Amino acid sequence: MEYIYPNELKQRIDNREKLFILDVREEWEYDEENIGAKNIPLCAIPQRIGELKLLQNSEIICHCRTGRRSHQAAKYLTKNGFTNVRSLEGGMEAYVSLLSAEQD
């Protein structure tokens, strides 16, 4: 299991890297706040894994609110043949906290 940390993700977004970010939160959480990721809730990944098959060897960055669900999603994808899956350490809470700290 590999992780990506909020500061690294922010830097890569700021550098306008082409990233595939998978938000595994529920739709209502995504609607409240998102960073433009593809939203597939954790519980729907087994049924919707086909939507990700073209990315099997590409980097996929999973995130959720705190990192727990994204960790589970990353493990599931890795177990199902995805080779470059990372989980955002601390989730959106850590990412938003980083953004807030930078604005102060």
C-alpha atoms as a PDB file:
ATOM      1  CA  MET A   1       0.000   0.000   0.000  1.00  0.00           C
ATOM      2  CA  GLU A   2       1.406   3.358  -0.998  1.00  0.00           C
ATOM      3  CA  TYR A   3       0.321   6.706   0.343  1.00  0.00           C
ATOM      4  CA  ILE A   4       0.388  10.223  -0.981  1.00  0.00           C
ATOM      5  CA  TYR A   5       0.520  13.067   1.492  1.00  0.00           C
ATOM      6  CA  PRO A   6      -1.585  16.223   1.254  1.00  0.00           C
ATOM      7  CA  ASN A   7       1.377  18.514   0.503  1.00  0.00           C
ATOM      8  CA  GLU A   8       2.513  16.277  -2.379  1.00  0.00           C
ATOM      9  CA  LEU A   9      -0.982  16.081  -3.831  1.00  0.00           C
ATOM     10  CA  LYS A  10      -1.429  19.849  -3.588  1.00  0.00           C
ATOM     11  CA  GLN A  11       1.922  20.443  -5.276  1.00  0.00           C
ATOM     12  CA  ARG A  12       1.018  18.075  -8.111  1.00  0.00           C
ATOM     13  CA  ILE A  13      -2.393  19.736  -8.543  1.00  0.00           C
ATOM     14  CA  ASP A  14      -0.746  23.181  -8.491  1.00  0.00           C
ATOM     15  CA  ASN A  15       1.703  21.955 -11.157  1.00  0.00           C
ATOM     16  CA  ARG A  16      -1.334  20.957 -13.237  1.00  0.00           C
ATOM     17  CA  GLU A  17      -0.261  17.340 -13.509  1.00  0.00           C
ATOM     18  CA  LYS A  18      -2.803  15.107 -15.139  1.00  0.00           C
ATOM     19  CA  LEU A  19      -3.995  13.008 -12.202  1.00  0.00           C
ATOM     20  CA  PHE A  20      -6.728  10.449 -11.770  1.00  0.00           C
ATOM     21  CA  ILE A  21      -8.226  10.995  -8.340  1.00  0.00           C
ATOM     22  CA  LEU A  22     -10.925   8.658  -7.063  1.00  0.00           C
ATOM     23  CA  ASP A  23     -13.197   9.985  -4.324  1.00  0.00           C
ATOM     24  CA  VAL A  24     -14.668   7.006  -2.457  1.00  0.00           C
ATOM     25  CA  ARG A  25     -16.945   9.042  -0.191  1.00  0.00           C
ATOM     26  CA  GLU A  26     -20.717   8.938  -0.464  1.00  0.00           C
ATOM     27  CA  GLU A  27     -22.310  11.140  -3.121  1.00  0.00           C
ATOM     28  CA  TRP A  28     -23.662  13.615  -0.556  1.00  0.00           C
ATOM     29  CA  GLU A  29     -20.143  14.076   0.879  1.00  0.00           C
ATOM     30  CA  TYR A  30     -18.791  14.648  -2.611  1.00  0.00           C
ATOM     31  CA  ASP A  31     -21.537  17.184  -3.314  1.00  0.00           C
ATOM     32  CA  GLU A  32     -20.598  19.164  -0.193  1.00  0.00           C
ATOM     33  CA  GLU A  33     -16.921  19.490  -1.140  1.00  0.00           C
ATOM     34  CA  ASN A  34     -14.742  17.951  -3.810  1.00  0.00           C
ATOM     35  CA  ILE A  35     -11.502  18.469  -5.677  1.00  0.00           C
ATOM     36  CA  GLY A  36     -12.799  17.344  -9.058  1.00  0.00           C
ATOM     37  CA  ALA A  37     -12.218  13.645  -8.545  1.00  0.00           C
ATOM     38  CA  LYS A  38     -14.310  10.829  -9.979  1.00  0.00           C
ATOM     39  CA  ASN A  39     -16.813   9.813  -7.320  1.00  0.00           C
ATOM     40  CA  ILE A  40     -17.406   6.102  -6.786  1.00  0.00           C
ATOM     41  CA  PRO A  41     -18.462   5.363  -3.194  1.00  0.00           C
ATOM     42  CA  LEU A  42     -16.468   2.604  -1.519  1.00  0.00           C
ATOM     43  CA  CYS A  43     -19.467   0.262  -1.353  1.00  0.00           C
ATOM     44  CA  ALA A  44     -20.019   0.616  -5.142  1.00  0.00           C
ATOM     45  CA  ILE A  45     -16.459  -0.130  -6.258  1.00  0.00           C
ATOM     46  CA  PRO A  46     -16.988  -3.905  -6.715  1.00  0.00           C
ATOM     47  CA  GLN A  47     -19.962  -3.275  -9.034  1.00  0.00           C
ATOM     48  CA  ARG A  48     -18.296  -0.367 -10.868  1.00  0.00           C
ATOM     49  CA  ILE A  49     -14.700  -1.600 -11.099  1.00  0.00           C
ATOM     50  CA  GLY A  50     -15.133  -1.921 -14.853  1.00  0.00           C
ATOM     51  CA  GLU A  51     -15.180   1.885 -15.084  1.00  0.00           C
ATOM     52  CA  LEU A  52     -11.573   1.843 -13.888  1.00  0.00           C
ATOM     53  CA  LYS A  53     -10.173  -1.052 -15.952  1.00  0.00           C
ATOM     54  CA  LEU A  54      -8.463   1.230 -18.483  1.00  0.00           C
ATOM     55  CA  LEU A  55      -6.480   2.659 -15.554  1.00  0.00           C
ATOM     56  CA  GLN A  56      -5.231  -0.717 -14.330  1.00  0.00           C
ATOM     57  CA  ASN A  57      -1.570   0.267 -14.822  1.00  0.00           C
ATOM     58  CA  SER A  58      -1.973   4.026 -14.286  1.00  0.00           C
ATOM     59  CA  GLU A  59      -1.668   5.930 -11.052  1.00  0.00           C
ATOM     60  CA  ILE A  60      -4.938   6.146  -9.145  1.00  0.00           C
ATOM     61  CA  ILE A  61      -5.086   8.378  -6.079  1.00  0.00           C
ATOM     62  CA  CYS A  62      -7.922   7.397  -3.740  1.00  0.00           C
ATOM     63  CA  HIS A  63      -9.286   9.736  -1.119  1.00  0.00           C
ATOM     64  CA  CYS A  64     -12.128   9.986   1.371  1.00  0.00           C
ATOM     65  CA  ARG A  65     -12.795  12.093   4.460  1.00  0.00           C
ATOM     66  CA  THR A  66     -10.111  10.736   6.817  1.00  0.00           C
ATOM     67  CA  GLY A  67      -8.217   8.117   4.808  1.00  0.00           C
ATOM     68  CA  ARG A  68      -9.850   4.980   6.184  1.00  0.00           C
ATOM     69  CA  ARG A  69     -12.163   4.254   3.243  1.00  0.00           C
ATOM     70  CA  SER A  70      -9.556   5.259   0.678  1.00  0.00           C
ATOM     71  CA  HIS A  71      -7.136   2.802   2.266  1.00  0.00           C
ATOM     72  CA  GLN A  72      -9.748   0.036   1.889  1.00  0.00           C
ATOM     73  CA  ALA A  73     -10.444   1.052  -1.716  1.00  0.00           C
ATOM     74  CA  ALA A  74      -6.737   1.064  -2.563  1.00  0.00           C
ATOM     75  CA  LYS A  75      -6.291  -2.392  -1.036  1.00  0.00           C
ATOM     76  CA  TYR A  76      -9.284  -3.714  -2.972  1.00  0.00           C
ATOM     77  CA  LEU A  77      -8.067  -2.285  -6.276  1.00  0.00           C
ATOM     78  CA  THR A  78      -4.546  -3.610  -5.711  1.00  0.00           C
ATOM     79  CA  LYS A  79      -5.940  -7.047  -4.888  1.00  0.00           C
ATOM     80  CA  ASN A  80      -7.853  -6.884  -8.186  1.00  0.00           C
ATOM     81  CA  GLY A  81      -4.831  -6.220 -10.376  1.00  0.00           C
ATOM     82  CA  PHE A  82      -4.370  -2.455 -10.237  1.00  0.00           C
ATOM     83  CA  THR A  83      -0.656  -1.759 -10.048  1.00  0.00           C
ATOM     84  CA  ASN A  84      -0.229   1.880  -9.000  1.00  0.00           C
ATOM     85  CA  VAL A  85      -2.821   2.821  -6.375  1.00  0.00           C
ATOM     86  CA  ARG A  86      -2.164   5.349  -3.629  1.00  0.00           C
ATOM     87  CA  SER A  87      -4.292   6.530  -0.716  1.00  0.00           C
ATOM     88  CA  LEU A  88      -4.368  10.143   0.459  1.00  0.00           C
ATOM     89  CA  GLU A  89      -3.037  10.061   4.005  1.00  0.00           C
ATOM     90  CA  GLY A  90      -5.476  11.865   6.297  1.00  0.00           C
ATOM     91  CA  GLY A  91      -8.048  12.293   3.529  1.00  0.00           C
ATOM     92  CA  MET A  92      -9.900  15.495   2.743  1.00  0.00           C
ATOM     93  CA  GLU A  93      -9.651  16.596   6.353  1.00  0.00           C
ATOM     94  CA  ALA A  94      -5.850  16.745   6.093  1.00  0.00           C
ATOM     95  CA  TYR A  95      -5.943  18.273   2.613  1.00  0.00           C
ATOM     96  CA  VAL A  96      -8.375  21.038   3.612  1.00  0.00           C
ATOM     97  CA  SER A  97      -6.372  21.661   6.778  1.00  0.00           C
ATOM     98  CA  LEU A  98      -3.250  22.154   4.652  1.00  0.00           C
ATOM     99  CA  LEU A  99      -5.074  24.624   2.422  1.00  0.00           C
ATOM    100  CA  SER A 100      -6.359  26.538   5.440  1.00  0.00           C
ATOM    101  CA  ALA A 101      -2.896  26.704   6.984  1.00  0.00           C
ATOM    102  CA  GLU A 102      -1.470  28.103   3.763  1.00  0.00           C
ATOM    103  CA  GLN A 103      -4.094  30.857   3.685  1.00  0.00           C
ATOM    104  CA  ASP A 104      -3.298  32.018   7.235  1.00  0.00           C
END
